[in-house]
Amino acid sequence: MTKCELEILLDEIDFLDNANNIYETKTYLVRQEVSVEIINGITVVYSRDTFYAKTSLRMSQLEFLKSIRPSLVNAKRVPATMTTRTYVD
């Protein structure tokens, strides 16, 4: 597989955009975007979690990601002090 072909495949994976971590729940794949901010001298770890409904396509894409970039698919949520959630079918 060429680099160009790999980039095209990765662009098609919707739950990969801006992901720092990807983990699974019983019914969802979760993309976690983690950032750190200092607010009034207090360090805040902020997580934007997007829950994607598990589909056969997304599950096969997840297996592909695990094979090429296992460090991204952590299987555990990174703890945060502030969290937002979004759900995608």
N, C-alpha and C. Protein backbone atom coordinates (compact mmCIF):
# COMPACT_ATOMS: atom_id res chain seq x y z
N MET A 1 0.85 -1.19 0.00
CA MET A 1 0.00 0.00 0.00
C MET A 1 0.89 1.24 0.00
N THR A 2 0.61 2.16 -0.89
CA THR A 2 1.39 3.39 -0.97
C THR A 2 0.94 4.37 0.11
N LYS A 3 1.77 5.37 0.35
CA LYS A 3 1.43 6.40 1.33
C LYS A 3 0.15 7.13 0.93
N CYS A 4 -0.01 7.39 -0.35
CA CYS A 4 -1.20 8.08 -0.85
C CYS A 4 -2.46 7.24 -0.60
N GLU A 5 -2.37 5.95 -0.88
CA GLU A 5 -3.52 5.05 -0.65
C GLU A 5 -3.86 4.99 0.84
N LEU A 6 -2.84 4.96 1.69
CA LEU A 6 -3.07 4.93 3.13
C LEU A 6 -3.75 6.22 3.59
N GLU A 7 -3.31 7.36 3.09
CA GLU A 7 -3.93 8.64 3.46
C GLU A 7 -5.39 8.68 3.05
N ILE A 8 -5.72 8.15 1.88
CA ILE A 8 -7.11 8.11 1.42
C ILE A 8 -7.95 7.24 2.35
N LEU A 9 -7.42 6.08 2.73
CA LEU A 9 -8.15 5.20 3.66
C LEU A 9 -8.38 5.88 5.00
N LEU A 10 -7.35 6.53 5.53
CA LEU A 10 -7.47 7.18 6.84
C LEU A 10 -8.43 8.36 6.79
N ASP A 11 -8.49 9.07 5.67
CA ASP A 11 -9.42 10.20 5.53
C ASP A 11 -10.88 9.75 5.60
N GLU A 12 -11.15 8.52 5.24
CA GLU A 12 -12.52 8.01 5.22
C GLU A 12 -13.01 7.56 6.60
N ILE A 13 -12.13 7.50 7.58
CA ILE A 13 -12.52 7.04 8.92
C ILE A 13 -13.02 8.23 9.72
N ASP A 14 -14.33 8.32 9.90
CA ASP A 14 -14.93 9.49 10.53
C ASP A 14 -14.54 9.66 12.00
N PHE A 15 -14.34 8.57 12.72
CA PHE A 15 -14.04 8.69 14.15
C PHE A 15 -12.56 8.95 14.43
N LEU A 16 -11.77 9.14 13.39
CA LEU A 16 -10.34 9.38 13.56
C LEU A 16 -9.99 10.87 13.61
N ASP A 17 -10.86 11.74 13.09
CA ASP A 17 -10.58 13.18 13.01
C ASP A 17 -10.25 13.76 14.38
N ASN A 18 -9.06 14.35 14.50
CA ASN A 18 -8.60 15.03 15.73
C ASN A 18 -8.54 14.12 16.96
N ALA A 19 -8.48 12.83 16.78
CA ALA A 19 -8.47 11.90 17.92
C ALA A 19 -7.10 11.84 18.58
N ASN A 20 -7.09 11.95 19.92
CA ASN A 20 -5.90 11.67 20.71
C ASN A 20 -5.96 10.24 21.25
N ASN A 21 -7.18 9.73 21.35
CA ASN A 21 -7.40 8.40 21.90
C ASN A 21 -8.72 7.87 21.34
N ILE A 22 -8.77 6.57 21.13
CA ILE A 22 -10.01 5.92 20.72
C ILE A 22 -10.22 4.73 21.62
N TYR A 23 -11.44 4.62 22.17
CA TYR A 23 -11.76 3.46 23.00
C TYR A 23 -13.17 3.00 22.70
N GLU A 24 -13.52 1.82 23.21
CA GLU A 24 -14.83 1.23 22.95
C GLU A 24 -15.65 1.13 24.22
N THR A 25 -16.96 1.32 24.05
CA THR A 25 -17.91 0.93 25.09
C THR A 25 -18.71 -0.23 24.50
N LYS A 26 -19.72 -0.67 25.20
CA LYS A 26 -20.51 -1.79 24.70
C LYS A 26 -21.15 -1.50 23.34
N THR A 27 -21.64 -0.28 23.15
CA THR A 27 -22.36 0.04 21.91
C THR A 27 -21.73 1.17 21.08
N TYR A 28 -20.63 1.76 21.56
CA TYR A 28 -20.04 2.89 20.86
C TYR A 28 -18.53 2.76 20.71
N LEU A 29 -18.01 3.39 19.65
CA LEU A 29 -16.59 3.71 19.54
C LEU A 29 -16.49 5.17 19.96
N VAL A 30 -15.53 5.50 20.78
CA VAL A 30 -15.45 6.86 21.30
C VAL A 30 -14.13 7.50 20.88
N ARG A 31 -14.26 8.65 20.22
CA ARG A 31 -13.09 9.46 19.87
C ARG A 31 -12.91 10.47 21.00
N GLN A 32 -11.71 10.51 21.54
CA GLN A 32 -11.42 11.43 22.63
C GLN A 32 -10.38 12.45 22.16
N GLU A 33 -10.75 13.72 22.25
CA GLU A 33 -9.82 14.82 21.99
C GLU A 33 -9.47 15.42 23.34
N VAL A 34 -8.22 15.34 23.72
CA VAL A 34 -7.80 15.82 25.04
C VAL A 34 -6.94 17.06 24.87
N SER A 35 -7.24 18.07 25.68
CA SER A 35 -6.41 19.28 25.70
C SER A 35 -6.19 19.72 27.14
N VAL A 36 -5.14 20.46 27.34
CA VAL A 36 -4.81 20.96 28.67
C VAL A 36 -4.80 22.48 28.61
N GLU A 37 -5.49 23.09 29.57
CA GLU A 37 -5.54 24.54 29.64
C GLU A 37 -5.23 24.98 31.07
N ILE A 38 -4.72 26.20 31.20
CA ILE A 38 -4.51 26.78 32.53
C ILE A 38 -5.49 27.93 32.66
N ILE A 39 -6.40 27.79 33.62
CA ILE A 39 -7.44 28.80 33.85
C ILE A 39 -7.25 29.35 35.26
N ASN A 40 -6.94 30.64 35.36
CA ASN A 40 -6.69 31.28 36.66
C ASN A 40 -5.68 30.50 37.49
N GLY A 41 -4.62 30.02 36.83
CA GLY A 41 -3.55 29.31 37.53
C GLY A 41 -3.85 27.86 37.85
N ILE A 42 -5.01 27.37 37.41
CA ILE A 42 -5.39 25.98 37.67
C ILE A 42 -5.32 25.20 36.36
N THR A 43 -4.64 24.07 36.38
CA THR A 43 -4.53 23.23 35.19
C THR A 43 -5.80 22.41 35.03
N VAL A 44 -6.40 22.50 33.85
CA VAL A 44 -7.64 21.79 33.55
C VAL A 44 -7.40 20.86 32.36
N VAL A 45 -7.73 19.59 32.53
CA VAL A 45 -7.66 18.63 31.43
C VAL A 45 -9.05 18.53 30.85
N TYR A 46 -9.19 18.88 29.59
CA TYR A 46 -10.49 18.96 28.94
C TYR A 46 -10.61 17.85 27.90
N SER A 47 -11.71 17.14 27.91
CA SER A 47 -11.92 16.06 26.96
C SER A 47 -13.20 16.29 26.16
N ARG A 48 -13.07 16.24 24.84
CA ARG A 48 -14.24 16.30 23.95
C ARG A 48 -14.46 14.88 23.45
N ASP A 49 -15.46 14.21 23.96
CA ASP A 49 -15.74 12.82 23.59
C ASP A 49 -16.86 12.77 22.57
N THR A 50 -16.62 12.08 21.47
CA THR A 50 -17.66 11.87 20.46
C THR A 50 -17.92 10.38 20.39
N PHE A 51 -19.17 10.00 20.64
CA PHE A 51 -19.59 8.61 20.66
C PHE A 51 -20.18 8.25 19.30
N TYR A 52 -19.55 7.29 18.62
CA TYR A 52 -20.01 6.83 17.31
C TYR A 52 -20.65 5.45 17.48
N ALA A 53 -21.87 5.31 16.99
CA ALA A 53 -22.54 4.00 17.05
C ALA A 53 -21.68 2.97 16.34
N LYS A 54 -21.56 1.79 16.95
CA LYS A 54 -20.78 0.72 16.33
C LYS A 54 -21.52 0.19 15.11
N THR A 55 -20.81 0.14 13.99
CA THR A 55 -21.35 -0.46 12.77
C THR A 55 -20.29 -1.44 12.27
N SER A 56 -20.66 -2.30 11.36
CA SER A 56 -19.68 -3.25 10.83
C SER A 56 -18.54 -2.51 10.11
N LEU A 57 -18.86 -1.42 9.41
CA LEU A 57 -17.83 -0.64 8.73
C LEU A 57 -16.86 -0.04 9.75
N ARG A 58 -17.39 0.61 10.77
CA ARG A 58 -16.52 1.23 11.78
C ARG A 58 -15.69 0.20 12.52
N MET A 59 -16.26 -0.97 12.79
CA MET A 59 -15.50 -2.01 13.49
C MET A 59 -14.36 -2.53 12.61
N SER A 60 -14.57 -2.67 11.32
CA SER A 60 -13.48 -3.11 10.43
C SER A 60 -12.42 -2.00 10.32
N GLN A 61 -12.85 -0.75 10.31
CA GLN A 61 -11.90 0.37 10.29
C GLN A 61 -11.07 0.39 11.58
N LEU A 62 -11.71 0.09 12.70
CA LEU A 62 -11.01 0.04 13.98
C LEU A 62 -9.94 -1.05 13.97
N GLU A 63 -10.28 -2.21 13.46
CA GLU A 63 -9.31 -3.30 13.37
C GLU A 63 -8.13 -2.91 12.48
N PHE A 64 -8.41 -2.21 11.40
CA PHE A 64 -7.35 -1.72 10.52
C PHE A 64 -6.45 -0.74 11.28
N LEU A 65 -7.05 0.20 12.02
CA LEU A 65 -6.26 1.16 12.80
C LEU A 65 -5.38 0.47 13.83
N LYS A 66 -5.94 -0.55 14.49
CA LYS A 66 -5.16 -1.28 15.49
C LYS A 66 -3.93 -1.92 14.86
N SER A 67 -4.05 -2.34 13.61
CA SER A 67 -2.93 -3.00 12.95
C SER A 67 -1.83 -2.03 12.52
N ILE A 68 -2.19 -0.77 12.22
CA ILE A 68 -1.18 0.18 11.74
C ILE A 68 -0.76 1.21 12.79
N ARG A 69 -1.62 1.46 13.77
CA ARG A 69 -1.32 2.48 14.78
C ARG A 69 -1.90 2.07 16.14
N PRO A 70 -1.35 1.01 16.73
CA PRO A 70 -1.92 0.49 17.97
C PRO A 70 -1.88 1.46 19.14
N SER A 71 -0.96 2.42 19.15
CA SER A 71 -0.88 3.36 20.27
C SER A 71 -2.07 4.31 20.33
N LEU A 72 -2.77 4.50 19.21
CA LEU A 72 -3.93 5.39 19.19
C LEU A 72 -5.16 4.73 19.81
N VAL A 73 -5.29 3.42 19.61
CA VAL A 73 -6.45 2.70 20.12
C VAL A 73 -6.09 2.15 21.49
N ASN A 74 -6.46 2.92 22.51
CA ASN A 74 -5.99 2.67 23.87
C ASN A 74 -6.85 1.67 24.63
N ALA A 75 -8.13 1.60 24.31
CA ALA A 75 -9.10 0.76 25.01
C ALA A 75 -9.46 1.28 26.39
N LYS A 76 -8.89 2.42 26.79
CA LYS A 76 -9.25 3.03 28.06
C LYS A 76 -9.43 4.52 27.87
N ARG A 77 -10.34 5.07 28.62
CA ARG A 77 -10.58 6.51 28.56
C ARG A 77 -9.51 7.24 29.35
N VAL A 78 -9.01 8.34 28.79
CA VAL A 78 -8.07 9.18 29.50
C VAL A 78 -8.88 10.07 30.45
N PRO A 79 -8.58 10.06 31.75
CA PRO A 79 -9.35 10.87 32.70
C PRO A 79 -9.21 12.36 32.42
N ALA A 80 -10.27 13.11 32.68
CA ALA A 80 -10.26 14.55 32.47
C ALA A 80 -11.08 15.23 33.56
N THR A 81 -10.78 16.51 33.78
CA THR A 81 -11.53 17.26 34.79
C THR A 81 -12.80 17.88 34.21
N MET A 82 -12.82 18.09 32.88
CA MET A 82 -14.01 18.62 32.20
C MET A 82 -14.25 17.79 30.95
N THR A 83 -15.53 17.47 30.68
CA THR A 83 -15.85 16.62 29.54
C THR A 83 -17.11 17.11 28.84
N THR A 84 -17.11 17.04 27.50
CA THR A 84 -18.33 17.22 26.74
C THR A 84 -18.55 15.95 25.93
N ARG A 85 -19.80 15.65 25.64
CA ARG A 85 -20.15 14.46 24.88
C ARG A 85 -21.03 14.82 23.70
N THR A 86 -20.75 14.14 22.57
CA THR A 86 -21.56 14.25 21.37
C THR A 86 -21.81 12.85 20.86
N TYR A 87 -23.01 12.60 20.35
CA TYR A 87 -23.35 11.27 19.84
C TYR A 87 -23.61 11.32 18.34
N VAL A 88 -23.07 10.32 17.60
CA VAL A 88 -23.22 10.23 16.16
C VAL A 88 -23.74 8.84 15.83
N ASP A 89 -24.78 8.77 14.98
CA ASP A 89 -25.31 7.45 14.57
C ASP A 89 -24.39 6.79 13.57
